[in-house]
Amino acid sequence: MKIIECVPNFSEGRDRKKIAAIAHVFKSFSGVRLADFSSDADHNRSVFTFLGKPEDVLEAALAACGKAVKLIDMREQAGVHPRLGAVDVVPFIPLGKAKMKDAVDLAHTFGRQLYERFGVPVYFYGHAAMVSGRKELADVRHGGYEALQSKMINPEDAPDIGNPEFNARAGATVVGAREPLVAFNIDLNSNDLRLVRNIASQIREKNGGLKHVRAIGVILKNRGVAQVSINLTNCKETPFKVIYDQVAQLAAKRGVQILESELIGLMPKCAFAGTNPDYLKIKDFDKNRLLETHLKILED
């Protein structure tokens, strides 16, 4: 069976009514399985993970994103996480018998329909990128929402879908196709922003650190702790333990320890090679966080 995983990220992590309204849309589609969703007030962001057949995933994604566009006003939004719009990023991931081409085709269809239905300009990234310099999400999102209006004036930075007109309320959406990605955050017993940014800089691949690691350092004001916020694009080659141990070592040099870690969305079993959730101090972990658990249910 062809199965597509979709992980839309919305720029709202504080208003529980708005988050619940978006979640309700996903739950109203019987053809998809809402596997996980989480929200964070400091990041001011909610991440939903759902799976299903390509045609069902398309309709559920459009409906939920349409609801988010109506509810979220970027002129009032602020948080520590980089973002470009109310519906910030919508990646499609091929699973089961689905191929990357299936995910790319779905991403392109979704992007066109998102603009046609809701007037949100779209940039494509990852395997769905139409411009060579837009493979990496960070490159597409550079400057964030605040720089979007001036950015869109430049023909080289115009969206792939839609007129290059600034939509102040919705911003723009980045749509892509990619392999499974793991969002892994590590919290330290410190509120030193310089330290956590330095650690993030040392571990990310772009700076010569760990392969397949994207990382930023932020302060979670509500909890008063520093966080290394990580995206891992290939957990087979770089499992959690490698990242965790290096962060622990770098933090220890400053007399700082790891408080706990958290996972956003689902992850493959291979991410835990050589370790376990207890060693990684992962909070609220159970087997429903494993991608294989939901794949088995859909395929049975």
C-alpha atoms as a PDB file:
ATOM      1  CA  MET A   1       0.000   0.000   0.000  1.00  0.00           C
ATOM      2  CA  LYS A   2       1.192   3.517  -0.778  1.00  0.00           C
ATOM      3  CA  ILE A   3       1.277   5.534   2.429  1.00  0.00           C
ATOM      4  CA  ILE A   4       2.217   9.180   2.819  1.00  0.00           C
ATOM      5  CA  GLU A   5       3.193  10.789   6.097  1.00  0.00           C
ATOM      6  CA  CYS A   6       2.544  14.526   6.411  1.00  0.00           C
ATOM      7  CA  VAL A   7       3.940  16.722   9.192  1.00  0.00           C
ATOM      8  CA  PRO A   8       2.476  20.252   8.957  1.00  0.00           C
ATOM      9  CA  ASN A   9       3.940  22.862  11.312  1.00  0.00           C
ATOM     10  CA  PHE A  10       1.620  25.697  12.337  1.00  0.00           C
ATOM     11  CA  SER A  11       2.728  28.998  13.879  1.00  0.00           C
ATOM     12  CA  GLU A  12       0.492  28.725  16.937  1.00  0.00           C
ATOM     13  CA  GLY A  13       1.499  27.060  20.167  1.00  0.00           C
ATOM     14  CA  ARG A  14      -0.289  29.095  22.824  1.00  0.00           C
ATOM     15  CA  ASP A  15      -3.991  29.407  22.015  1.00  0.00           C
ATOM     16  CA  ARG A  16      -5.498  26.051  22.993  1.00  0.00           C
ATOM     17  CA  LYS A  17      -8.800  26.721  21.248  1.00  0.00           C
ATOM     18  CA  LYS A  18      -7.108  27.365  17.914  1.00  0.00           C
ATOM     19  CA  ILE A  19      -4.892  24.301  18.259  1.00  0.00           C
ATOM     20  CA  ALA A  20      -7.883  22.123  19.183  1.00  0.00           C
ATOM     21  CA  ALA A  21      -9.818  23.451  16.175  1.00  0.00           C
ATOM     22  CA  ILE A  22      -7.014  22.411  13.819  1.00  0.00           C
ATOM     23  CA  ALA A  23      -6.728  19.006  15.499  1.00  0.00           C
ATOM     24  CA  HIS A  24     -10.487  18.506  15.087  1.00  0.00           C
ATOM     25  CA  VAL A  25     -10.142  18.896  11.326  1.00  0.00           C
ATOM     26  CA  PHE A  26      -7.626  16.051  11.135  1.00  0.00           C
ATOM     27  CA  LYS A  27      -9.804  13.850  13.350  1.00  0.00           C
ATOM     28  CA  SER A  28     -12.807  14.438  11.081  1.00  0.00           C
ATOM     29  CA  PHE A  29     -11.069  12.636   8.201  1.00  0.00           C
ATOM     30  CA  SER A  30     -11.578   8.903   8.719  1.00  0.00           C
ATOM     31  CA  GLY A  31      -9.159   8.065   5.908  1.00  0.00           C
ATOM     32  CA  VAL A  32      -6.110   9.395   7.760  1.00  0.00           C
ATOM     33  CA  ARG A  33      -4.530   8.502  11.083  1.00  0.00           C
ATOM     34  CA  LEU A  34      -3.526  11.404  13.333  1.00  0.00           C
ATOM     35  CA  ALA A  35      -0.514   9.776  14.965  1.00  0.00           C
ATOM     36  CA  ASP A  36       0.818  12.632  17.072  1.00  0.00           C
ATOM     37  CA  PHE A  37       0.614  16.345  17.742  1.00  0.00           C
ATOM     38  CA  SER A  38       2.399  18.639  20.136  1.00  0.00           C
ATOM     39  CA  SER A  39       2.516  22.342  20.930  1.00  0.00           C
ATOM     40  CA  ASP A  40       5.083  24.593  22.581  1.00  0.00           C
ATOM     41  CA  ALA A  41       4.422  28.084  23.902  1.00  0.00           C
ATOM     42  CA  ASP A  42       8.025  29.319  23.644  1.00  0.00           C
ATOM     43  CA  HIS A  43       8.397  28.102  20.075  1.00  0.00           C
ATOM     44  CA  ASN A  44       4.767  29.244  19.541  1.00  0.00           C
ATOM     45  CA  ARG A  45       4.375  26.299  17.233  1.00  0.00           C
ATOM     46  CA  SER A  46       2.303  23.145  16.842  1.00  0.00           C
ATOM     47  CA  VAL A  47       3.387  20.082  14.896  1.00  0.00           C
ATOM     48  CA  PHE A  48       0.913  17.465  13.662  1.00  0.00           C
ATOM     49  CA  THR A  49       1.827  14.075  12.228  1.00  0.00           C
ATOM     50  CA  PHE A  50      -0.703  12.085  10.225  1.00  0.00           C
ATOM     51  CA  LEU A  51      -0.610   9.249   7.698  1.00  0.00           C
ATOM     52  CA  GLY A  52      -2.802   7.722   5.033  1.00  0.00           C
ATOM     53  CA  LYS A  53      -3.287   7.090   1.339  1.00  0.00           C
ATOM     54  CA  PRO A  54      -2.058   9.971  -0.853  1.00  0.00           C
ATOM     55  CA  GLU A  55      -5.521  11.208  -1.872  1.00  0.00           C
ATOM     56  CA  ASP A  56      -6.769  11.194   1.735  1.00  0.00           C
ATOM     57  CA  VAL A  57      -3.661  12.937   3.021  1.00  0.00           C
ATOM     58  CA  LEU A  58      -4.056  15.669   0.389  1.00  0.00           C
ATOM     59  CA  GLU A  59      -7.613  16.528   1.372  1.00  0.00           C
ATOM     60  CA  ALA A  60      -6.949  16.403   5.112  1.00  0.00           C
ATOM     61  CA  ALA A  61      -3.870  18.610   4.741  1.00  0.00           C
ATOM     62  CA  LEU A  62      -5.746  21.196   2.678  1.00  0.00           C
ATOM     63  CA  ALA A  63      -8.666  21.315   5.103  1.00  0.00           C
ATOM     64  CA  ALA A  64      -6.474  21.645   8.211  1.00  0.00           C
ATOM     65  CA  CYS A  65      -4.211  24.232   6.608  1.00  0.00           C
ATOM     66  CA  GLY A  66      -7.241  26.193   5.470  1.00  0.00           C
ATOM     67  CA  LYS A  67      -8.491  26.255   9.049  1.00  0.00           C
ATOM     68  CA  ALA A  68      -5.078  27.411  10.282  1.00  0.00           C
ATOM     69  CA  VAL A  69      -4.955  30.248   7.727  1.00  0.00           C
ATOM     70  CA  LYS A  70      -8.318  31.488   9.034  1.00  0.00           C
ATOM     71  CA  LEU A  71      -7.302  31.277  12.689  1.00  0.00           C
ATOM     72  CA  ILE A  72      -3.665  32.442  12.772  1.00  0.00           C
ATOM     73  CA  ASP A  73      -2.661  36.060  12.154  1.00  0.00           C
ATOM     74  CA  MET A  74       1.084  36.404  11.623  1.00  0.00           C
ATOM     75  CA  ARG A  75       0.944  40.103  12.485  1.00  0.00           C
ATOM     76  CA  GLU A  76       0.335  39.019  16.087  1.00  0.00           C
ATOM     77  CA  GLN A  77       2.664  36.005  16.142  1.00  0.00           C
ATOM     78  CA  ALA A  78       6.025  35.778  17.899  1.00  0.00           C
ATOM     79  CA  GLY A  79       8.168  32.864  19.072  1.00  0.00           C
ATOM     80  CA  VAL A  80      11.738  31.585  19.188  1.00  0.00           C
ATOM     81  CA  HIS A  81      11.323  29.158  16.286  1.00  0.00           C
ATOM     82  CA  PRO A  82      12.067  30.332  12.718  1.00  0.00           C
ATOM     83  CA  ARG A  83       8.872  30.641  10.640  1.00  0.00           C
ATOM     84  CA  LEU A  84       7.641  32.090   7.373  1.00  0.00           C
ATOM     85  CA  GLY A  85       3.886  31.890   7.731  1.00  0.00           C
ATOM     86  CA  ALA A  86       0.804  30.730   9.614  1.00  0.00           C
ATOM     87  CA  VAL A  87       1.148  27.365   7.904  1.00  0.00           C
ATOM     88  CA  ASP A  88       4.912  27.378   8.085  1.00  0.00           C
ATOM     89  CA  VAL A  89       6.056  24.127   6.526  1.00  0.00           C
ATOM     90  CA  VAL A  90       4.224  21.108   5.079  1.00  0.00           C
ATOM     91  CA  PRO A  91       6.471  18.140   4.228  1.00  0.00           C
ATOM     92  CA  PHE A  92       5.265  14.927   2.580  1.00  0.00           C
ATOM     93  CA  ILE A  93       7.160  11.693   3.277  1.00  0.00           C
ATOM     94  CA  PRO A  94       6.784   8.459   1.270  1.00  0.00           C
ATOM     95  CA  LEU A  95       6.205   5.284   3.305  1.00  0.00           C
ATOM     96  CA  GLY A  96       5.086   1.750   2.559  1.00  0.00           C
ATOM     97  CA  LYS A  97       5.143   1.228  -1.198  1.00  0.00           C
ATOM     98  CA  ALA A  98       5.116   4.946  -1.950  1.00  0.00           C
ATOM     99  CA  LYS A  99       8.138   6.377  -3.781  1.00  0.00           C
ATOM    100  CA  MET A 100       9.683   9.818  -3.477  1.00  0.00           C
ATOM    101  CA  LYS A 101       8.063  10.774  -6.801  1.00  0.00           C
ATOM    102  CA  ASP A 102       4.661  10.156  -5.188  1.00  0.00           C
ATOM    103  CA  ALA A 103       5.555  12.567  -2.378  1.00  0.00           C
ATOM    104  CA  VAL A 104       6.889  15.170  -4.824  1.00  0.00           C
ATOM    105  CA  ASP A 105       3.764  15.001  -6.976  1.00  0.00           C
ATOM    106  CA  LEU A 106       1.584  15.327  -3.884  1.00  0.00           C
ATOM    107  CA  ALA A 107       3.614  18.299  -2.615  1.00  0.00           C
ATOM    108  CA  HIS A 108       3.247  20.109  -5.935  1.00  0.00           C
ATOM    109  CA  THR A 109      -0.504  19.416  -6.079  1.00  0.00           C
ATOM    110  CA  PHE A 110      -0.952  20.565  -2.485  1.00  0.00           C
ATOM    111  CA  GLY A 111       1.040  23.759  -3.095  1.00  0.00           C
ATOM    112  CA  ARG A 112      -1.022  24.727  -6.115  1.00  0.00           C
ATOM    113  CA  GLN A 113      -4.302  24.053  -4.342  1.00  0.00           C
ATOM    114  CA  LEU A 114      -3.249  25.852  -1.164  1.00  0.00           C
ATOM    115  CA  TYR A 115      -2.719  29.001  -3.198  1.00  0.00           C
ATOM    116  CA  GLU A 116      -5.836  28.564  -5.321  1.00  0.00           C
ATOM    117  CA  ARG A 117      -8.100  27.973  -2.320  1.00  0.00           C
ATOM    118  CA  PHE A 118      -6.575  30.255   0.297  1.00  0.00           C
ATOM    119  CA  GLY A 119      -4.275  32.709  -1.493  1.00  0.00           C
ATOM    120  CA  VAL A 120      -1.126  31.639   0.361  1.00  0.00           C
ATOM    121  CA  PRO A 121       2.128  31.928  -1.681  1.00  0.00           C
ATOM    122  CA  VAL A 122       4.166  28.719  -1.714  1.00  0.00           C
ATOM    123  CA  TYR A 123       7.865  27.866  -1.850  1.00  0.00           C
ATOM    124  CA  PHE A 124       8.943  24.285  -2.585  1.00  0.00           C
ATOM    125  CA  TYR A 125      11.908  22.640  -0.839  1.00  0.00           C
ATOM    126  CA  GLY A 126      13.636  19.294  -0.475  1.00  0.00           C
ATOM    127  CA  HIS A 127      12.989  16.808  -3.268  1.00  0.00           C
ATOM    128  CA  ALA A 128      10.087  19.011  -4.399  1.00  0.00           C
ATOM    129  CA  ALA A 129      12.318  22.080  -4.909  1.00  0.00           C
ATOM    130  CA  MET A 130      11.919  23.834  -8.256  1.00  0.00           C
ATOM    131  CA  VAL A 131      14.878  26.184  -7.706  1.00  0.00           C
ATOM    132  CA  SER A 132      18.366  24.828  -7.036  1.00  0.00           C
ATOM    133  CA  GLY A 133      18.978  27.064  -4.025  1.00  0.00           C
ATOM    134  CA  ARG A 134      15.847  25.893  -2.236  1.00  0.00           C
ATOM    135  CA  LYS A 135      16.744  22.338  -1.302  1.00  0.00           C
ATOM    136  CA  GLU A 136      17.348  23.217   2.348  1.00  0.00           C
ATOM    137  CA  LEU A 137      14.432  24.452   4.444  1.00  0.00           C
ATOM    138  CA  ALA A 138      16.652  26.904   6.339  1.00  0.00           C
ATOM    139  CA  ASP A 139      17.689  28.581   3.085  1.00  0.00           C
ATOM    140  CA  VAL A 140      14.076  29.038   1.975  1.00  0.00           C
ATOM    141  CA  ARG A 141      13.041  30.351   5.379  1.00  0.00           C
ATOM    142  CA  HIS A 142      16.043  32.677   5.777  1.00  0.00           C
ATOM    143  CA  GLY A 143      14.997  36.016   7.257  1.00  0.00           C
ATOM    144  CA  GLY A 144      11.687  34.650   8.450  1.00  0.00           C
ATOM    145  CA  TYR A 145       8.306  36.305   8.264  1.00  0.00           C
ATOM    146  CA  GLU A 146       9.766  39.719   9.104  1.00  0.00           C
ATOM    147  CA  ALA A 147      11.881  39.764   5.930  1.00  0.00           C
ATOM    148  CA  LEU A 148       9.253  38.185   3.678  1.00  0.00           C
ATOM    149  CA  GLN A 149       7.742  41.384   2.269  1.00  0.00           C
ATOM    150  CA  SER A 150      11.065  42.787   1.068  1.00  0.00           C
ATOM    151  CA  LYS A 151      12.264  39.335   0.032  1.00  0.00           C
ATOM    152  CA  MET A 152       9.353  38.735  -2.322  1.00  0.00           C
ATOM    153  CA  ILE A 153      10.117  41.903  -4.286  1.00  0.00           C
ATOM    154  CA  ASN A 154      13.344  40.309  -5.536  1.00  0.00           C
ATOM    155  CA  PRO A 155      12.554  38.145  -8.608  1.00  0.00           C
ATOM    156  CA  GLU A 156      15.078  35.553  -7.451  1.00  0.00           C
ATOM    157  CA  ASP A 157      13.195  35.168  -4.169  1.00  0.00           C
ATOM    158  CA  ALA A 158       9.667  35.132  -5.613  1.00  0.00           C
ATOM    159  CA  PRO A 159       7.466  32.205  -4.548  1.00  0.00           C
ATOM    160  CA  ASP A 160       7.147  29.145  -6.773  1.00  0.00           C
ATOM    161  CA  ILE A 161       3.355  29.348  -6.641  1.00  0.00           C
ATOM    162  CA  GLY A 162       1.354  32.558  -6.401  1.00  0.00           C
ATOM    163  CA  ASN A 163       1.884  36.210  -7.091  1.00  0.00           C
ATOM    164  CA  PRO A 164       4.830  37.843  -5.290  1.00  0.00           C
ATOM    165  CA  GLU A 165       2.451  39.877  -3.145  1.00  0.00           C
ATOM    166  CA  PHE A 166       2.932  39.964   0.609  1.00  0.00           C
ATOM    167  CA  ASN A 167       0.094  38.318   2.522  1.00  0.00           C
ATOM    168  CA  ALA A 168       0.499  40.020   5.891  1.00  0.00           C
ATOM    169  CA  ARG A 169      -1.935  37.746   7.714  1.00  0.00           C
ATOM    170  CA  ALA A 170      -0.834  34.349   6.365  1.00  0.00           C
ATOM    171  CA  GLY A 171       2.748  34.972   5.267  1.00  0.00           C
ATOM    172  CA  ALA A 172       3.950  32.159   3.004  1.00  0.00           C
ATOM    173  CA  THR A 173       4.142  28.375   3.239  1.00  0.00           C
ATOM    174  CA  VAL A 174       7.083  26.095   2.487  1.00  0.00           C
ATOM    175  CA  VAL A 175       5.997  22.762   0.996  1.00  0.00           C
ATOM    176  CA  GLY A 176       8.302  19.830   0.415  1.00  0.00           C
ATOM    177  CA  ALA A 177       8.972  16.150  -0.042  1.00  0.00           C
ATOM    178  CA  ARG A 178      11.645  14.462   2.044  1.00  0.00           C
ATOM    179  CA  GLU A 179      12.792  11.334   3.805  1.00  0.00           C
ATOM    180  CA  PRO A 180      11.676  10.786   7.427  1.00  0.00           C
ATOM    181  CA  LEU A 181      13.103  13.489   9.709  1.00  0.00           C
ATOM    182  CA  VAL A 182      13.353  13.435  13.479  1.00  0.00           C
ATOM    183  CA  ALA A 183      12.857  16.534  15.637  1.00  0.00           C
ATOM    184  CA  PHE A 184      14.911  16.066  18.815  1.00  0.00           C
ATOM    185  CA  ASN A 185      15.245  18.788  21.475  1.00  0.00           C
ATOM    186  CA  ILE A 186      17.715  18.696  24.365  1.00  0.00           C
ATOM    187  CA  ASP A 187      17.161  20.917  27.435  1.00  0.00           C
ATOM    188  CA  LEU A 188      20.061  22.015  29.651  1.00  0.00           C
ATOM    189  CA  ASN A 189      20.127  23.127  33.301  1.00  0.00           C
ATOM    190  CA  SER A 190      21.212  26.579  32.165  1.00  0.00           C
ATOM    191  CA  ASN A 191      19.718  29.742  30.710  1.00  0.00           C
ATOM    192  CA  ASP A 192      22.905  30.747  28.885  1.00  0.00           C
ATOM    193  CA  LEU A 193      21.920  31.594  25.304  1.00  0.00           C
ATOM    194  CA  ARG A 194      25.532  32.007  24.189  1.00  0.00           C
ATOM    195  CA  LEU A 195      26.384  28.509  25.448  1.00  0.00           C
ATOM    196  CA  VAL A 196      23.473  26.779  23.774  1.00  0.00           C
ATOM    197  CA  ARG A 197      24.068  28.588  20.486  1.00  0.00           C
ATOM    198  CA  ASN A 198      27.713  27.575  20.623  1.00  0.00           C
ATOM    199  CA  ILE A 199      26.773  23.927  21.187  1.00  0.00           C
ATOM    200  CA  ALA A 200      24.277  24.027  18.311  1.00  0.00           C
ATOM    201  CA  SER A 201      26.937  25.562  16.074  1.00  0.00           C
ATOM    202  CA  GLN A 202      29.444  22.829  16.898  1.00  0.00           C
ATOM    203  CA  ILE A 203      27.126  19.867  16.317  1.00  0.00           C
ATOM    204  CA  ARG A 204      25.438  20.927  13.075  1.00  0.00           C
ATOM    205  CA  GLU A 205      26.677  19.466   9.825  1.00  0.00           C
ATOM    206  CA  LYS A 206      26.842  22.840   8.069  1.00  0.00           C
ATOM    207  CA  ASN A 207      29.684  23.877  10.386  1.00  0.00           C
ATOM    208  CA  GLY A 208      31.584  20.610  10.132  1.00  0.00           C
ATOM    209  CA  GLY A 209      29.770  18.857  12.974  1.00  0.00           C
ATOM    210  CA  LEU A 210      27.619  15.739  12.923  1.00  0.00           C
ATOM    211  CA  LYS A 211      26.347  14.473   9.606  1.00  0.00           C
ATOM    212  CA  HIS A 212      22.639  15.054   8.901  1.00  0.00           C
ATOM    213  CA  VAL A 213      22.226  17.371  11.925  1.00  0.00           C
ATOM    214  CA  ARG A 214      20.532  20.791  11.747  1.00  0.00           C
ATOM    215  CA  ALA A 215      20.531  22.647  15.073  1.00  0.00           C
ATOM    216  CA  ILE A 216      19.780  25.991  16.695  1.00  0.00           C
ATOM    217  CA  GLY A 217      20.075  27.199  20.273  1.00  0.00           C
ATOM    218  CA  VAL A 218      17.142  28.927  21.974  1.00  0.00           C
ATOM    219  CA  ILE A 219      15.946  29.976  25.424  1.00  0.00           C
ATOM    220  CA  LEU A 220      12.602  28.654  26.696  1.00  0.00           C
ATOM    221  CA  LYS A 221      11.483  31.645  28.767  1.00  0.00           C
ATOM    222  CA  ASN A 222       8.501  29.858  30.307  1.00  0.00           C
ATOM    223  CA  ARG A 223      10.842  27.278  31.845  1.00  0.00           C
ATOM    224  CA  GLY A 224      14.011  29.341  32.134  1.00  0.00           C
ATOM    225  CA  VAL A 225      16.180  26.781  30.338  1.00  0.00           C
ATOM    226  CA  ALA A 226      18.375  26.695  27.268  1.00  0.00           C
ATOM    227  CA  GLN A 227      17.493  24.238  24.507  1.00  0.00           C
ATOM    228  CA  VAL A 228      19.376  22.710  21.600  1.00  0.00           C
ATOM    229  CA  SER A 229      16.647  22.286  18.988  1.00  0.00           C
ATOM    230  CA  ILE A 230      17.663  19.641  16.452  1.00  0.00           C
ATOM    231  CA  ASN A 231      16.406  18.287  13.146  1.00  0.00           C
ATOM    232  CA  LEU A 232      17.978  14.977  12.191  1.00  0.00           C
ATOM    233  CA  THR A 233      17.578  14.096   8.520  1.00  0.00           C
ATOM    234  CA  ASN A 234      19.077  10.583   8.591  1.00  0.00           C
ATOM    235  CA  CYS A 235      18.919   8.651  11.854  1.00  0.00           C
ATOM    236  CA  LYS A 236      20.446   5.516  10.329  1.00  0.00           C
ATOM    237  CA  GLU A 237      23.791   7.228   9.886  1.00  0.00           C
ATOM    238  CA  THR A 238      23.541   9.503  12.929  1.00  0.00           C
ATOM    239  CA  PRO A 239      21.426   7.976  15.721  1.00  0.00           C
ATOM    240  CA  PHE A 240      20.280   9.837  18.839  1.00  0.00           C
ATOM    241  CA  LYS A 241      23.074   8.566  21.101  1.00  0.00           C
ATOM    242  CA  VAL A 242      25.793  10.206  19.004  1.00  0.00           C
ATOM    243  CA  ILE A 243      24.059  13.589  19.246  1.00  0.00           C
ATOM    244  CA  TYR A 244      23.130  13.268  22.910  1.00  0.00           C
ATOM    245  CA  ASP A 245      26.629  12.273  23.992  1.00  0.00           C
ATOM    246  CA  GLN A 246      28.244  15.141  22.111  1.00  0.00           C
ATOM    247  CA  VAL A 247      25.830  17.713  23.551  1.00  0.00           C
ATOM    248  CA  ALA A 248      26.440  16.283  27.033  1.00  0.00           C
ATOM    249  CA  GLN A 249      30.206  16.488  26.551  1.00  0.00           C
ATOM    250  CA  LEU A 250      30.146  20.069  25.254  1.00  0.00           C
ATOM    251  CA  ALA A 251      27.798  21.196  28.039  1.00  0.00           C
ATOM    252  CA  ALA A 252      29.902  19.478  30.727  1.00  0.00           C
ATOM    253  CA  LYS A 253      32.891  21.593  29.762  1.00  0.00           C
ATOM    254  CA  ARG A 254      30.919  24.549  31.152  1.00  0.00           C
ATOM    255  CA  GLY A 255      29.648  22.644  34.181  1.00  0.00           C
ATOM    256  CA  VAL A 256      26.205  22.225  32.658  1.00  0.00           C
ATOM    257  CA  GLN A 257      24.147  19.044  32.532  1.00  0.00           C
ATOM    258  CA  ILE A 258      21.272  17.784  30.385  1.00  0.00           C
ATOM    259  CA  LEU A 259      17.913  18.069  32.142  1.00  0.00           C
ATOM    260  CA  GLU A 260      15.830  16.083  29.664  1.00  0.00           C
ATOM    261  CA  SER A 261      15.121  15.679  25.997  1.00  0.00           C
ATOM    262  CA  GLU A 262      11.951  15.535  23.935  1.00  0.00           C
ATOM    263  CA  LEU A 263      10.833  14.199  20.588  1.00  0.00           C
ATOM    264  CA  ILE A 264       8.427  16.034  18.304  1.00  0.00           C
ATOM    265  CA  GLY A 265       6.350  13.772  16.079  1.00  0.00           C
ATOM    266  CA  LEU A 266       7.324  10.227  15.132  1.00  0.00           C
ATOM    267  CA  MET A 267      10.672   8.551  14.607  1.00  0.00           C
ATOM    268  CA  PRO A 268      11.938   5.253  13.162  1.00  0.00           C
ATOM    269  CA  LYS A 269      13.281   2.577  15.508  1.00  0.00           C
ATOM    270  CA  CYS A 270      16.735   2.996  13.981  1.00  0.00           C
ATOM    271  CA  ALA A 271      17.084   6.345  15.771  1.00  0.00           C
ATOM    272  CA  PHE A 272      17.566   4.449  19.051  1.00  0.00           C
ATOM    273  CA  ALA A 273      20.511   2.345  17.863  1.00  0.00           C
ATOM    274  CA  GLY A 274      22.835   1.646  20.793  1.00  0.00           C
ATOM    275  CA  THR A 275      20.643   3.333  23.383  1.00  0.00           C
ATOM    276  CA  ASN A 276      17.139   3.671  24.840  1.00  0.00           C
ATOM    277  CA  PRO A 277      14.702   6.458  25.865  1.00  0.00           C
ATOM    278  CA  ASP A 278      15.799   6.335  29.531  1.00  0.00           C
ATOM    279  CA  TYR A 279      19.452   6.944  28.676  1.00  0.00           C
ATOM    280  CA  LEU A 280      18.384   9.910  26.530  1.00  0.00           C
ATOM    281  CA  LYS A 281      16.128  11.283  29.313  1.00  0.00           C
ATOM    282  CA  ILE A 282      13.229  11.493  26.855  1.00  0.00           C
ATOM    283  CA  LYS A 283      10.024  12.628  28.508  1.00  0.00           C
ATOM    284  CA  ASP A 284       6.639  11.063  27.755  1.00  0.00           C
ATOM    285  CA  PHE A 285       7.918   8.308  25.489  1.00  0.00           C
ATOM    286  CA  ASP A 286       5.869   5.272  24.459  1.00  0.00           C
ATOM    287  CA  LYS A 287       5.678   2.943  21.468  1.00  0.00           C
ATOM    288  CA  ASN A 288       3.127   5.223  19.757  1.00  0.00           C
ATOM    289  CA  ARG A 289       6.010   7.587  19.036  1.00  0.00           C
ATOM    290  CA  LEU A 290       7.529   4.972  16.732  1.00  0.00           C
ATOM    291  CA  LEU A 291       6.743   5.285  13.034  1.00  0.00           C
ATOM    292  CA  GLU A 292       6.607   1.497  12.687  1.00  0.00           C
ATOM    293  CA  THR A 293       3.703   1.282  15.160  1.00  0.00           C
ATOM    294  CA  HIS A 294       1.422   3.348  12.941  1.00  0.00           C
ATOM    295  CA  LEU A 295       2.609   1.816   9.694  1.00  0.00           C
ATOM    296  CA  LYS A 296       1.668  -1.630  10.985  1.00  0.00           C
ATOM    297  CA  ILE A 297      -1.844  -0.455  11.901  1.00  0.00           C
ATOM    298  CA  LEU A 298      -2.406   1.089   8.460  1.00  0.00           C
ATOM    299  CA  GLU A 299      -1.031  -1.915   6.596  1.00  0.00           C
ATOM    300  CA  ASP A 300      -2.941  -4.570   8.586  1.00  0.00           C
END
